[in-house]
């Protein structure tokens, strides 16, 4: 599954995971992406969209 939003381009970002003992290990923050049907240029297509863009598009309707 694609990990990039097709509308805003949001993708994975890297960071650190910190334990209670302050040990550091690398981790990946992934966006909440779903495969949905989107109308682009008058045609309905399936695309990977993050939930923030889904929420914004519902407000426009």
Protein backbone atom coordinates (compact mmCIF):
# COMPACT_ATOMS: atom_id res chain seq x y z
CA UNK A 1 0.00 0.00 0.00
CA UNK A 2 1.23 3.46 -0.85
CA UNK A 3 2.21 5.51 2.18
CA UNK A 4 1.79 8.93 0.52
CA UNK A 5 -1.44 10.95 0.37
CA UNK A 6 -2.37 11.66 -3.25
CA UNK A 7 -3.97 15.02 -2.33
CA UNK A 8 -1.59 16.74 0.09
CA UNK A 9 1.53 14.58 -0.41
CA UNK A 10 1.87 13.72 3.27
CA UNK A 11 4.26 10.80 3.76
CA UNK A 12 6.28 8.95 6.37
CA UNK A 13 8.58 10.82 8.72
CA UNK A 14 11.34 9.52 10.99
CA UNK A 15 11.85 10.07 14.68
CA UNK A 16 13.02 8.47 17.89
CA UNK A 17 11.27 6.02 20.21
CA UNK A 18 12.12 6.81 23.83
CA UNK A 19 11.70 4.22 26.57
CA UNK A 20 11.22 4.93 30.27
CA UNK A 21 14.96 4.36 30.72
CA UNK A 22 15.55 7.00 27.97
CA UNK A 23 16.94 4.46 25.49
CA UNK A 24 16.71 5.77 21.93
CA UNK A 25 15.76 3.70 18.87
CA UNK A 26 14.75 4.91 15.44
CA UNK A 27 11.10 4.62 14.43
CA UNK A 28 8.82 5.72 11.58
CA UNK A 29 5.69 7.85 11.92
CA UNK A 30 3.26 6.84 9.16
CA UNK A 31 0.20 8.86 8.11
CA UNK A 32 -3.30 7.43 8.50
CA UNK A 33 -4.03 6.65 4.84
CA UNK A 34 -7.08 4.91 3.35
CA UNK A 35 -7.94 3.81 -0.16
CA UNK A 36 -11.06 5.77 -1.19
CA UNK A 37 -12.91 6.91 -4.29
CA UNK A 38 -12.19 10.54 -5.16
CA UNK A 39 -13.57 12.76 -7.91
CA UNK A 40 -10.65 14.22 -9.87
CA UNK A 41 -11.37 16.36 -12.96
CA UNK A 42 -14.94 15.06 -13.14
CA UNK A 43 -13.89 11.38 -13.05
CA UNK A 44 -14.18 9.06 -10.08
CA UNK A 45 -10.86 7.37 -9.31
CA UNK A 46 -9.53 5.34 -6.39
CA UNK A 47 -6.74 7.06 -4.51
CA UNK A 48 -4.86 6.85 -1.24
CA UNK A 49 -6.00 9.76 0.93
CA UNK A 50 -5.07 10.70 4.50
CA UNK A 51 -7.89 11.13 7.01
CA UNK A 52 -7.17 14.84 7.42
CA UNK A 53 -7.89 15.40 3.70
CA UNK A 54 -11.00 13.17 3.95
CA UNK A 55 -12.27 15.32 6.82
CA UNK A 56 -11.58 18.51 4.88
CA UNK A 57 -13.35 17.30 1.75
CA UNK A 58 -16.50 16.41 3.75
CA UNK A 59 -16.68 19.99 5.03
CA UNK A 60 -16.72 21.29 1.43
CA UNK A 61 -19.72 19.19 0.46
